[in-house]
ModelCIF file with pLDDT and N, C-alpha, C, O atoms, coordinates in Angstrom:
data_MODEL
#
_entry.id   MODEL 
#
_entity.id                         1 
_entity.type                       polymer 
_entity.pdbx_number_of_molecules   1 
#
_entity_poly.entity_id                      1 
_entity_poly.type                           'polypeptide(L)' 
_entity_poly.nstd_linkage                   no 
_entity_poly.nstd_monomer                   no 
_entity_poly.pdbx_seq_one_letter_code       RGARVRPGDLVVARLPADPAQMIVKRAAWRDGDGWWLESENQ 
_entity_poly.pdbx_seq_one_letter_code_can   RGARVRPGDLVVARLPADPAQMIVKRAAWRDGDGWWLESENQ 
_entity_poly.pdbx_strand_id                 A 
#
loop_
_entity_poly_seq.entity_id 
_entity_poly_seq.num 
_entity_poly_seq.mon_id 
_entity_poly_seq.hetero 
1 1  ARG n 
1 2  GLY n 
1 3  ALA n 
1 4  ARG n 
1 5  VAL n 
1 6  ARG n 
1 7  PRO n 
1 8  GLY n 
1 9  ASP n 
1 10 LEU n 
1 11 VAL n 
1 12 VAL n 
1 13 ALA n 
1 14 ARG n 
1 15 LEU n 
1 16 PRO n 
1 17 ALA n 
1 18 ASP n 
1 19 PRO n 
1 20 ALA n 
1 21 GLN n 
1 22 MET n 
1 23 ILE n 
1 24 VAL n 
1 25 LYS n 
1 26 ARG n 
1 27 ALA n 
1 28 ALA n 
1 29 TRP n 
1 30 ARG n 
1 31 ASP n 
1 32 GLY n 
1 33 ASP n 
1 34 GLY n 
1 35 TRP n 
1 36 TRP n 
1 37 LEU n 
1 38 GLU n 
1 39 SER n 
1 40 GLU n 
1 41 ASN n 
1 42 GLN n 
#
_struct_asym.id          A 
_struct_asym.entity_id   1 
#
loop_
_ma_qa_metric.id 
_ma_qa_metric.mode 
_ma_qa_metric.name 
_ma_qa_metric.software_group_id 
_ma_qa_metric.type 
1 global pLDDT . pLDDT 
2 local  pLDDT . pLDDT 
#
_ma_qa_metric_global.metric_id      1 
_ma_qa_metric_global.metric_value   95.45 
_ma_qa_metric_global.model_id       1 
_ma_qa_metric_global.ordinal_id     1 
#
loop_
_ma_qa_metric_local.label_asym_id 
_ma_qa_metric_local.label_comp_id 
_ma_qa_metric_local.label_seq_id 
_ma_qa_metric_local.metric_id 
_ma_qa_metric_local.metric_value 
_ma_qa_metric_local.model_id 
_ma_qa_metric_local.ordinal_id 
A ARG 1  2 94.00 1 1  
A GLY 2  2 91.00 1 2  
A ALA 3  2 93.00 1 3  
A ARG 4  2 95.00 1 4  
A VAL 5  2 97.00 1 5  
A ARG 6  2 97.00 1 6  
A PRO 7  2 97.00 1 7  
A GLY 8  2 98.00 1 8  
A ASP 9  2 98.00 1 9  
A LEU 10 2 98.00 1 10 
A VAL 11 2 98.00 1 11 
A VAL 12 2 97.00 1 12 
A ALA 13 2 97.00 1 13 
A ARG 14 2 96.00 1 14 
A LEU 15 2 95.00 1 15 
A PRO 16 2 95.00 1 16 
A ALA 17 2 93.00 1 17 
A ASP 18 2 94.00 1 18 
A PRO 19 2 94.00 1 19 
A ALA 20 2 93.00 1 20 
A GLN 21 2 93.00 1 21 
A MET 22 2 93.00 1 22 
A ILE 23 2 96.00 1 23 
A VAL 24 2 97.00 1 24 
A LYS 25 2 98.00 1 25 
A ARG 26 2 98.00 1 26 
A ALA 27 2 98.00 1 27 
A ALA 28 2 98.00 1 28 
A TRP 29 2 97.00 1 29 
A ARG 30 2 96.00 1 30 
A ASP 31 2 90.00 1 31 
A GLY 32 2 89.00 1 32 
A ASP 33 2 86.00 1 33 
A GLY 34 2 95.00 1 34 
A TRP 35 2 97.00 1 35 
A TRP 36 2 98.00 1 36 
A LEU 37 2 98.00 1 37 
A GLU 38 2 98.00 1 38 
A SER 39 2 97.00 1 39 
A GLU 40 2 97.00 1 40 
A ASN 41 2 95.00 1 41 
A GLN 42 2 95.00 1 42 
#
loop_
_atom_site.group_PDB 
_atom_site.id 
_atom_site.type_symbol 
_atom_site.label_atom_id 
_atom_site.label_alt_id 
_atom_site.label_comp_id 
_atom_site.label_asym_id 
_atom_site.label_entity_id 
_atom_site.label_seq_id 
_atom_site.pdbx_PDB_ins_code 
_atom_site.Cartn_x 
_atom_site.Cartn_y 
_atom_site.Cartn_z 
_atom_site.occupancy 
_atom_site.B_iso_or_equiv 
_atom_site.pdbx_formal_charge 
_atom_site.auth_seq_id 
_atom_site.auth_comp_id 
_atom_site.auth_asym_id 
_atom_site.auth_atom_id 
_atom_site.pdbx_PDB_model_num 
ATOM 1   N N  . ARG A 1 1  ? 6.925   0.133   1.637  1.00 94.00 ? 1  ARG A N  1 
ATOM 2   C CA . ARG A 1 1  ? 5.753   -0.508  1.039  1.00 94.00 ? 1  ARG A CA 1 
ATOM 3   C C  . ARG A 1 1  ? 6.136   -1.227  -0.248 1.00 94.00 ? 1  ARG A C  1 
ATOM 4   O O  . ARG A 1 1  ? 6.884   -0.699  -1.071 1.00 94.00 ? 1  ARG A O  1 
ATOM 5   N N  . GLY A 1 2  ? 5.612   -2.443  -0.407 1.00 91.00 ? 2  GLY A N  1 
ATOM 6   C CA . GLY A 1 2  ? 5.837   -3.199  -1.623 1.00 91.00 ? 2  GLY A CA 1 
ATOM 7   C C  . GLY A 1 2  ? 7.242   -3.746  -1.780 1.00 91.00 ? 2  GLY A C  1 
ATOM 8   O O  . GLY A 1 2  ? 7.601   -4.208  -2.863 1.00 91.00 ? 2  GLY A O  1 
ATOM 9   N N  . ALA A 1 3  ? 8.046   -3.707  -0.728 1.00 93.00 ? 3  ALA A N  1 
ATOM 10  C CA . ALA A 1 3  ? 9.433   -4.175  -0.817 1.00 93.00 ? 3  ALA A CA 1 
ATOM 11  C C  . ALA A 1 3  ? 9.502   -5.690  -0.938 1.00 93.00 ? 3  ALA A C  1 
ATOM 12  O O  . ALA A 1 3  ? 8.618   -6.402  -0.464 1.00 93.00 ? 3  ALA A O  1 
ATOM 13  N N  . ARG A 1 4  ? 10.547  -6.168  -1.570 1.00 95.00 ? 4  ARG A N  1 
ATOM 14  C CA . ARG A 1 4  ? 10.791  -7.609  -1.667 1.00 95.00 ? 4  ARG A CA 1 
ATOM 15  C C  . ARG A 1 4  ? 11.006  -8.156  -0.258 1.00 95.00 ? 4  ARG A C  1 
ATOM 16  O O  . ARG A 1 4  ? 11.708  -7.555  0.555  1.00 95.00 ? 4  ARG A O  1 
ATOM 17  N N  . VAL A 1 5  ? 10.395  -9.296  0.012  1.00 97.00 ? 5  VAL A N  1 
ATOM 18  C CA . VAL A 1 5  ? 10.480  -9.930  1.331  1.00 97.00 ? 5  VAL A CA 1 
ATOM 19  C C  . VAL A 1 5  ? 11.312  -11.202 1.221  1.00 97.00 ? 5  VAL A C  1 
ATOM 20  O O  . VAL A 1 5  ? 11.176  -11.975 0.272  1.00 97.00 ? 5  VAL A O  1 
ATOM 21  N N  . ARG A 1 6  ? 12.173  -11.400 2.210  1.00 97.00 ? 6  ARG A N  1 
ATOM 22  C CA . ARG A 1 6  ? 12.982  -12.613 2.290  1.00 97.00 ? 6  ARG A CA 1 
ATOM 23  C C  . ARG A 1 6  ? 12.736  -13.250 3.652  1.00 97.00 ? 6  ARG A C  1 
ATOM 24  O O  . ARG A 1 6  ? 12.359  -12.558 4.598  1.00 97.00 ? 6  ARG A O  1 
ATOM 25  N N  . PRO A 1 7  ? 12.944  -14.554 3.762  1.00 97.00 ? 7  PRO A N  1 
ATOM 26  C CA . PRO A 1 7  ? 12.799  -15.189 5.075  1.00 97.00 ? 7  PRO A CA 1 
ATOM 27  C C  . PRO A 1 7  ? 13.677  -14.488 6.110  1.00 97.00 ? 7  PRO A C  1 
ATOM 28  O O  . PRO A 1 7  ? 14.841  -14.182 5.851  1.00 97.00 ? 7  PRO A O  1 
ATOM 29  N N  . GLY A 1 8  ? 13.104  -14.240 7.278  1.00 98.00 ? 8  GLY A N  1 
ATOM 30  C CA . GLY A 1 8  ? 13.812  -13.551 8.355  1.00 98.00 ? 8  GLY A CA 1 
ATOM 31  C C  . GLY A 1 8  ? 13.485  -12.078 8.454  1.00 98.00 ? 8  GLY A C  1 
ATOM 32  O O  . GLY A 1 8  ? 13.769  -11.459 9.480  1.00 98.00 ? 8  GLY A O  1 
ATOM 33  N N  . ASP A 1 9  ? 12.893  -11.490 7.413  1.00 98.00 ? 9  ASP A N  1 
ATOM 34  C CA . ASP A 1 9  ? 12.537  -10.068 7.442  1.00 98.00 ? 9  ASP A CA 1 
ATOM 35  C C  . ASP A 1 9  ? 11.353  -9.830  8.368  1.00 98.00 ? 9  ASP A C  1 
ATOM 36  O O  . ASP A 1 9  ? 10.484  -10.687 8.523  1.00 98.00 ? 9  ASP A O  1 
ATOM 37  N N  . LEU A 1 10 ? 11.334  -8.635  8.990  1.00 98.00 ? 10 LEU A N  1 
ATOM 38  C CA . LEU A 1 10 ? 10.139  -8.183  9.698  1.00 98.00 ? 10 LEU A CA 1 
ATOM 39  C C  . LEU A 1 10 ? 9.251   -7.519  8.666  1.00 98.00 ? 10 LEU A C  1 
ATOM 40  O O  . LEU A 1 10 ? 9.716   -6.716  7.857  1.00 98.00 ? 10 LEU A O  1 
ATOM 41  N N  . VAL A 1 11 ? 7.962   -7.859  8.697  1.00 98.00 ? 11 VAL A N  1 
ATOM 42  C CA . VAL A 1 11 ? 7.039   -7.342  7.691  1.00 98.00 ? 11 VAL A CA 1 
ATOM 43  C C  . VAL A 1 11 ? 5.769   -6.835  8.344  1.00 98.00 ? 11 VAL A C  1 
ATOM 44  O O  . VAL A 1 11 ? 5.439   -7.196  9.473  1.00 98.00 ? 11 VAL A O  1 
ATOM 45  N N  . VAL A 1 12 ? 5.070   -5.998  7.614  1.00 97.00 ? 12 VAL A N  1 
ATOM 46  C CA . VAL A 1 12 ? 3.734   -5.555  7.976  1.00 97.00 ? 12 VAL A CA 1 
ATOM 47  C C  . VAL A 1 12 ? 2.789   -6.178  6.963  1.00 97.00 ? 12 VAL A C  1 
ATOM 48  O O  . VAL A 1 12 ? 3.023   -6.122  5.756  1.00 97.00 ? 12 VAL A O  1 
ATOM 49  N N  . ALA A 1 13 ? 1.709   -6.778  7.479  1.00 97.00 ? 13 ALA A N  1 
ATOM 50  C CA . ALA A 1 13 ? 0.737   -7.437  6.611  1.00 97.00 ? 13 ALA A CA 1 
ATOM 51  C C  . ALA A 1 13 ? -0.661  -7.137  7.113  1.00 97.00 ? 13 ALA A C  1 
ATOM 52  O O  . ALA A 1 13 ? -0.856  -6.783  8.275  1.00 97.00 ? 13 ALA A O  1 
ATOM 53  N N  . ARG A 1 14 ? -1.621  -7.281  6.231  1.00 96.00 ? 14 ARG A N  1 
ATOM 54  C CA . ARG A 1 14 ? -3.021  -7.167  6.628  1.00 96.00 ? 14 ARG A CA 1 
ATOM 55  C C  . ARG A 1 14 ? -3.456  -8.493  7.238  1.00 96.00 ? 14 ARG A C  1 
ATOM 56  O O  . ARG A 1 14 ? -3.089  -9.558  6.742  1.00 96.00 ? 14 ARG A O  1 
ATOM 57  N N  . LEU A 1 15 ? -4.221  -8.433  8.291  1.00 95.00 ? 15 LEU A N  1 
ATOM 58  C CA . LEU A 1 15 ? -4.730  -9.623  8.955  1.00 95.00 ? 15 LEU A CA 1 
ATOM 59  C C  . LEU A 1 15 ? -5.727  -10.303 8.028  1.00 95.00 ? 15 LEU A C  1 
ATOM 60  O O  . LEU A 1 15 ? -6.701  -9.669  7.621  1.00 95.00 ? 15 LEU A O  1 
ATOM 61  N N  . PRO A 1 16 ? -5.520  -11.579 7.679  1.00 95.00 ? 16 PRO A N  1 
ATOM 62  C CA . PRO A 1 16 ? -6.402  -12.234 6.712  1.00 95.00 ? 16 PRO A CA 1 
ATOM 63  C C  . PRO A 1 16 ? -7.890  -12.181 7.075  1.00 95.00 ? 16 PRO A C  1 
ATOM 64  O O  . PRO A 1 16 ? -8.728  -11.986 6.194  1.00 95.00 ? 16 PRO A O  1 
ATOM 65  N N  . ALA A 1 17 ? -8.226  -12.349 8.343  1.00 93.00 ? 17 ALA A N  1 
ATOM 66  C CA . ALA A 1 17 ? -9.634  -12.344 8.760  1.00 93.00 ? 17 ALA A CA 1 
ATOM 67  C C  . ALA A 1 17 ? -10.224 -10.940 8.806  1.00 93.00 ? 17 ALA A C  1 
ATOM 68  O O  . ALA A 1 17 ? -11.444 -10.783 8.741  1.00 93.00 ? 17 ALA A O  1 
ATOM 69  N N  . ASP A 1 18 ? -9.373  -9.913  8.918  1.00 94.00 ? 18 ASP A N  1 
ATOM 70  C CA . ASP A 1 18 ? -9.833  -8.525  9.019  1.00 94.00 ? 18 ASP A CA 1 
ATOM 71  C C  . ASP A 1 18 ? -8.811  -7.626  8.332  1.00 94.00 ? 18 ASP A C  1 
ATOM 72  O O  . ASP A 1 18 ? -7.946  -7.060  9.001  1.00 94.00 ? 18 ASP A O  1 
ATOM 73  N N  . PRO A 1 19 ? -8.893  -7.483  7.005  1.00 94.00 ? 19 PRO A N  1 
ATOM 74  C CA . PRO A 1 19 ? -7.882  -6.716  6.269  1.00 94.00 ? 19 PRO A CA 1 
ATOM 75  C C  . PRO A 1 19 ? -7.739  -5.257  6.696  1.00 94.00 ? 19 PRO A C  1 
ATOM 76  O O  . PRO A 1 19 ? -6.769  -4.603  6.314  1.00 94.00 ? 19 PRO A O  1 
ATOM 77  N N  . ALA A 1 20 ? -8.680  -4.734  7.477  1.00 93.00 ? 20 ALA A N  1 
ATOM 78  C CA . ALA A 1 20 ? -8.538  -3.363  7.972  1.00 93.00 ? 20 ALA A CA 1 
ATOM 79  C C  . ALA A 1 20 ? -7.470  -3.286  9.059  1.00 93.00 ? 20 ALA A C  1 
ATOM 80  O O  . ALA A 1 20 ? -6.938  -2.208  9.325  1.00 93.00 ? 20 ALA A O  1 
ATOM 81  N N  . GLN A 1 21 ? -7.149  -4.419  9.690  1.00 93.00 ? 21 GLN A N  1 
ATOM 82  C CA . GLN A 1 21 ? -6.122  -4.472  10.723 1.00 93.00 ? 21 GLN A CA 1 
ATOM 83  C C  . GLN A 1 21 ? -4.821  -4.943  10.119 1.00 93.00 ? 21 GLN A C  1 
ATOM 84  O O  . GLN A 1 21 ? -4.807  -5.774  9.212  1.00 93.00 ? 21 GLN A O  1 
ATOM 85  N N  . MET A 1 22 ? -3.721  -4.402  10.632 1.00 93.00 ? 22 MET A N  1 
ATOM 86  C CA . MET A 1 22 ? -2.410  -4.817  10.158 1.00 93.00 ? 22 MET A CA 1 
ATOM 87  C C  . MET A 1 22 ? -1.614  -5.410  11.310 1.00 93.00 ? 22 MET A C  1 
ATOM 88  O O  . MET A 1 22 ? -1.838  -5.085  12.476 1.00 93.00 ? 22 MET A O  1 
ATOM 89  N N  . ILE A 1 23 ? -0.673  -6.293  10.955 1.00 96.00 ? 23 ILE A N  1 
ATOM 90  C CA . ILE A 1 23 ? 0.173   -6.945  11.941 1.00 96.00 ? 23 ILE A CA 1 
ATOM 91  C C  . ILE A 1 23 ? 1.636   -6.795  11.540 1.00 96.00 ? 23 ILE A C  1 
ATOM 92  O O  . ILE A 1 23 ? 1.963   -6.673  10.359 1.00 96.00 ? 23 ILE A O  1 
ATOM 93  N N  . VAL A 1 24 ? 2.510   -6.805  12.547 1.00 97.00 ? 24 VAL A N  1 
ATOM 94  C CA . VAL A 1 24 ? 3.955   -6.803  12.326 1.00 97.00 ? 24 VAL A CA 1 
ATOM 95  C C  . VAL A 1 24 ? 4.443   -8.174  12.758 1.00 97.00 ? 24 VAL A C  1 
ATOM 96  O O  . VAL A 1 24 ? 4.239   -8.574  13.905 1.00 97.00 ? 24 VAL A O  1 
ATOM 97  N N  . LYS A 1 25 ? 5.085   -8.897  11.852 1.00 98.00 ? 25 LYS A N  1 
ATOM 98  C CA . LYS A 1 25 ? 5.556   -10.257 12.136 1.00 98.00 ? 25 LYS A CA 1 
ATOM 99  C C  . LYS A 1 25 ? 6.866   -10.521 11.415 1.00 98.00 ? 25 LYS A C  1 
ATOM 100 O O  . LYS A 1 25 ? 7.309   -9.722  10.589 1.00 98.00 ? 25 LYS A O  1 
ATOM 101 N N  . ARG A 1 26 ? 7.482   -11.657 11.739 1.00 98.00 ? 26 ARG A N  1 
ATOM 102 C CA . ARG A 1 26 ? 8.671   -12.112 11.035 1.00 98.00 ? 26 ARG A CA 1 
ATOM 103 C C  . ARG A 1 26 ? 8.243   -13.058 9.928  1.00 98.00 ? 26 ARG A C  1 
ATOM 104 O O  . ARG A 1 26 ? 7.482   -13.994 10.171 1.00 98.00 ? 26 ARG A O  1 
ATOM 105 N N  . ALA A 1 27 ? 8.728   -12.821 8.710  1.00 98.00 ? 27 ALA A N  1 
ATOM 106 C CA . ALA A 1 27 ? 8.457   -13.718 7.584  1.00 98.00 ? 27 ALA A CA 1 
ATOM 107 C C  . ALA A 1 27 ? 9.354   -14.938 7.764  1.00 98.00 ? 27 ALA A C  1 
ATOM 108 O O  . ALA A 1 27 ? 10.573  -14.844 7.621  1.00 98.00 ? 27 ALA A O  1 
ATOM 109 N N  . ALA A 1 28 ? 8.749   -16.083 8.077  1.00 98.00 ? 28 ALA A N  1 
ATOM 110 C CA . ALA A 1 28 ? 9.532   -17.289 8.358  1.00 98.00 ? 28 ALA A CA 1 
ATOM 111 C C  . ALA A 1 28 ? 9.905   -18.008 7.065  1.00 98.00 ? 28 ALA A C  1 
ATOM 112 O O  . ALA A 1 28 ? 11.076  -18.326 6.855  1.00 98.00 ? 28 ALA A O  1 
ATOM 113 N N  . TRP A 1 29 ? 8.933   -18.270 6.200  1.00 97.00 ? 29 TRP A N  1 
ATOM 114 C CA . TRP A 1 29 ? 9.196   -18.914 4.919  1.00 97.00 ? 29 TRP A CA 1 
ATOM 115 C C  . TRP A 1 29 ? 8.033   -18.680 3.990  1.00 97.00 ? 29 TRP A C  1 
ATOM 116 O O  . TRP A 1 29 ? 6.945   -18.281 4.403  1.00 97.00 ? 29 TRP A O  1 
ATOM 117 N N  . ARG A 1 30 ? 8.292   -18.939 2.716  1.00 96.00 ? 30 ARG A N  1 
ATOM 118 C CA . ARG A 1 30 ? 7.257   -18.790 1.703  1.00 96.00 ? 30 ARG A CA 1 
ATOM 119 C C  . ARG A 1 30 ? 6.894   -20.177 1.179  1.00 96.00 ? 30 ARG A C  1 
ATOM 120 O O  . ARG A 1 30 ? 7.766   -20.995 0.886  1.00 96.00 ? 30 ARG A O  1 
ATOM 121 N N  . ASP A 1 31 ? 5.603   -20.422 1.067  1.00 90.00 ? 31 ASP A N  1 
ATOM 122 C CA . ASP A 1 31 ? 5.171   -21.679 0.461  1.00 90.00 ? 31 ASP A CA 1 
ATOM 123 C C  . ASP A 1 31 ? 4.238   -21.338 -0.690 1.00 90.00 ? 31 ASP A C  1 
ATOM 124 O O  . ASP A 1 31 ? 4.084   -20.165 -1.028 1.00 90.00 ? 31 ASP A O  1 
ATOM 125 N N  . GLY A 1 32 ? 3.626   -22.317 -1.287 1.00 89.00 ? 32 GLY A N  1 
ATOM 126 C CA . GLY A 1 32 ? 2.766   -22.075 -2.449 1.00 89.00 ? 32 GLY A CA 1 
ATOM 127 C C  . GLY A 1 32 ? 1.597   -21.149 -2.173 1.00 89.00 ? 32 GLY A C  1 
ATOM 128 O O  . GLY A 1 32 ? 1.119   -20.470 -3.081 1.00 89.00 ? 32 GLY A O  1 
ATOM 129 N N  . ASP A 1 33 ? 1.127   -21.111 -0.923 1.00 86.00 ? 33 ASP A N  1 
ATOM 130 C CA . ASP A 1 33 ? -0.049  -20.296 -0.596 1.00 86.00 ? 33 ASP A CA 1 
ATOM 131 C C  . ASP A 1 33 ? 0.283   -18.885 -0.147 1.00 86.00 ? 33 ASP A C  1 
ATOM 132 O O  . ASP A 1 33 ? -0.610  -18.041 -0.085 1.00 86.00 ? 33 ASP A O  1 
ATOM 133 N N  . GLY A 1 34 ? 1.533   -18.605 0.166  1.00 95.00 ? 34 GLY A N  1 
ATOM 134 C CA . GLY A 1 34 ? 1.905   -17.273 0.634  1.00 95.00 ? 34 GLY A CA 1 
ATOM 135 C C  . GLY A 1 34 ? 3.023   -17.349 1.644  1.00 95.00 ? 34 GLY A C  1 
ATOM 136 O O  . GLY A 1 34 ? 3.819   -18.289 1.637  1.00 95.00 ? 34 GLY A O  1 
ATOM 137 N N  . TRP A 1 35 ? 3.083   -16.354 2.516  1.00 97.00 ? 35 TRP A N  1 
ATOM 138 C CA . TRP A 1 35 ? 4.142   -16.250 3.515  1.00 97.00 ? 35 TRP A CA 1 
ATOM 139 C C  . TRP A 1 35 ? 3.659   -16.738 4.861  1.00 97.00 ? 35 TRP A C  1 
ATOM 140 O O  . TRP A 1 35 ? 2.546   -16.428 5.285  1.00 97.00 ? 35 TRP A O  1 
ATOM 141 N N  . TRP A 1 36 ? 4.511   -17.511 5.536  1.00 98.00 ? 36 TRP A N  1 
ATOM 142 C CA . TRP A 1 36 ? 4.259   -17.945 6.898  1.00 98.00 ? 36 TRP A CA 1 
ATOM 143 C C  . TRP A 1 36 ? 4.840   -16.872 7.809  1.00 98.00 ? 36 TRP A C  1 
ATOM 144 O O  . TRP A 1 36 ? 6.051   -16.649 7.807  1.00 98.00 ? 36 TRP A O  1 
ATOM 145 N N  . LEU A 1 37 ? 3.994   -16.207 8.586  1.00 98.00 ? 37 LEU A N  1 
ATOM 146 C CA . LEU A 1 37 ? 4.403   -15.097 9.448  1.00 98.00 ? 37 LEU A CA 1 
ATOM 147 C C  . LEU A 1 37 ? 4.307   -15.523 10.900 1.00 98.00 ? 37 LEU A C  1 
ATOM 148 O O  . LEU A 1 37 ? 3.290   -16.069 11.330 1.00 98.00 ? 37 LEU A O  1 
ATOM 149 N N  . GLU A 1 38 ? 5.370   -15.273 11.656 1.00 98.00 ? 38 GLU A N  1 
ATOM 150 C CA . GLU A 1 38 ? 5.412   -15.710 13.048 1.00 98.00 ? 38 GLU A CA 1 
ATOM 151 C C  . GLU A 1 38 ? 5.743   -14.573 14.003 1.00 98.00 ? 38 GLU A C  1 
ATOM 152 O O  . GLU A 1 38 ? 6.453   -13.627 13.662 1.00 98.00 ? 38 GLU A O  1 
ATOM 153 N N  . SER A 1 39 ? 5.199   -14.699 15.224 1.00 97.00 ? 39 SER A N  1 
ATOM 154 C CA . SER A 1 39 ? 5.514   -13.794 16.324 1.00 97.00 ? 39 SER A CA 1 
ATOM 155 C C  . SER A 1 39 ? 6.838   -14.217 16.933 1.00 97.00 ? 39 SER A C  1 
ATOM 156 O O  . SER A 1 39 ? 7.225   -15.381 16.834 1.00 97.00 ? 39 SER A O  1 
ATOM 157 N N  . GLU A 1 40 ? 7.531   -13.283 17.560 1.00 97.00 ? 40 GLU A N  1 
ATOM 158 C CA . GLU A 1 40 ? 8.738   -13.611 18.307 1.00 97.00 ? 40 GLU A CA 1 
ATOM 159 C C  . GLU A 1 40 ? 8.366   -14.172 19.677 1.00 97.00 ? 40 GLU A C  1 
ATOM 160 O O  . GLU A 1 40 ? 9.068   -15.030 20.213 1.00 97.00 ? 40 GLU A O  1 
ATOM 161 N N  . ASN A 1 41 ? 7.272   -13.690 20.233 1.00 95.00 ? 41 ASN A N  1 
ATOM 162 C CA . ASN A 1 41 ? 6.838   -14.059 21.579 1.00 95.00 ? 41 ASN A CA 1 
ATOM 163 C C  . ASN A 1 41 ? 5.521   -14.828 21.465 1.00 95.00 ? 41 ASN A C  1 
ATOM 164 O O  . ASN A 1 41 ? 4.445   -14.229 21.453 1.00 95.00 ? 41 ASN A O  1 
ATOM 165 N N  . GLN A 1 42 ? 5.610   -16.138 21.383 1.00 95.00 ? 42 GLN A N  1 
ATOM 166 C CA . GLN A 1 42 ? 4.413   -16.966 21.193 1.00 95.00 ? 42 GLN A CA 1 
ATOM 167 C C  . GLN A 1 42 ? 3.497   -16.963 22.406 1.00 95.00 ? 42 GLN A C  1 
ATOM 168 O O  . GLN A 1 42 ? 2.452   -17.614 22.392 1.00 95.00 ? 42 GLN A O  1 
#
């Protein structure tokens, strides 16, 4: 929890539309608004 995230890391995040739900995704890149998180299997 609270670990530094780098592009390529697998992360757990709260779903923006429903913060009670969490998702596991790959941190693709960081931009001014936050982290771009992507699935491996689109």
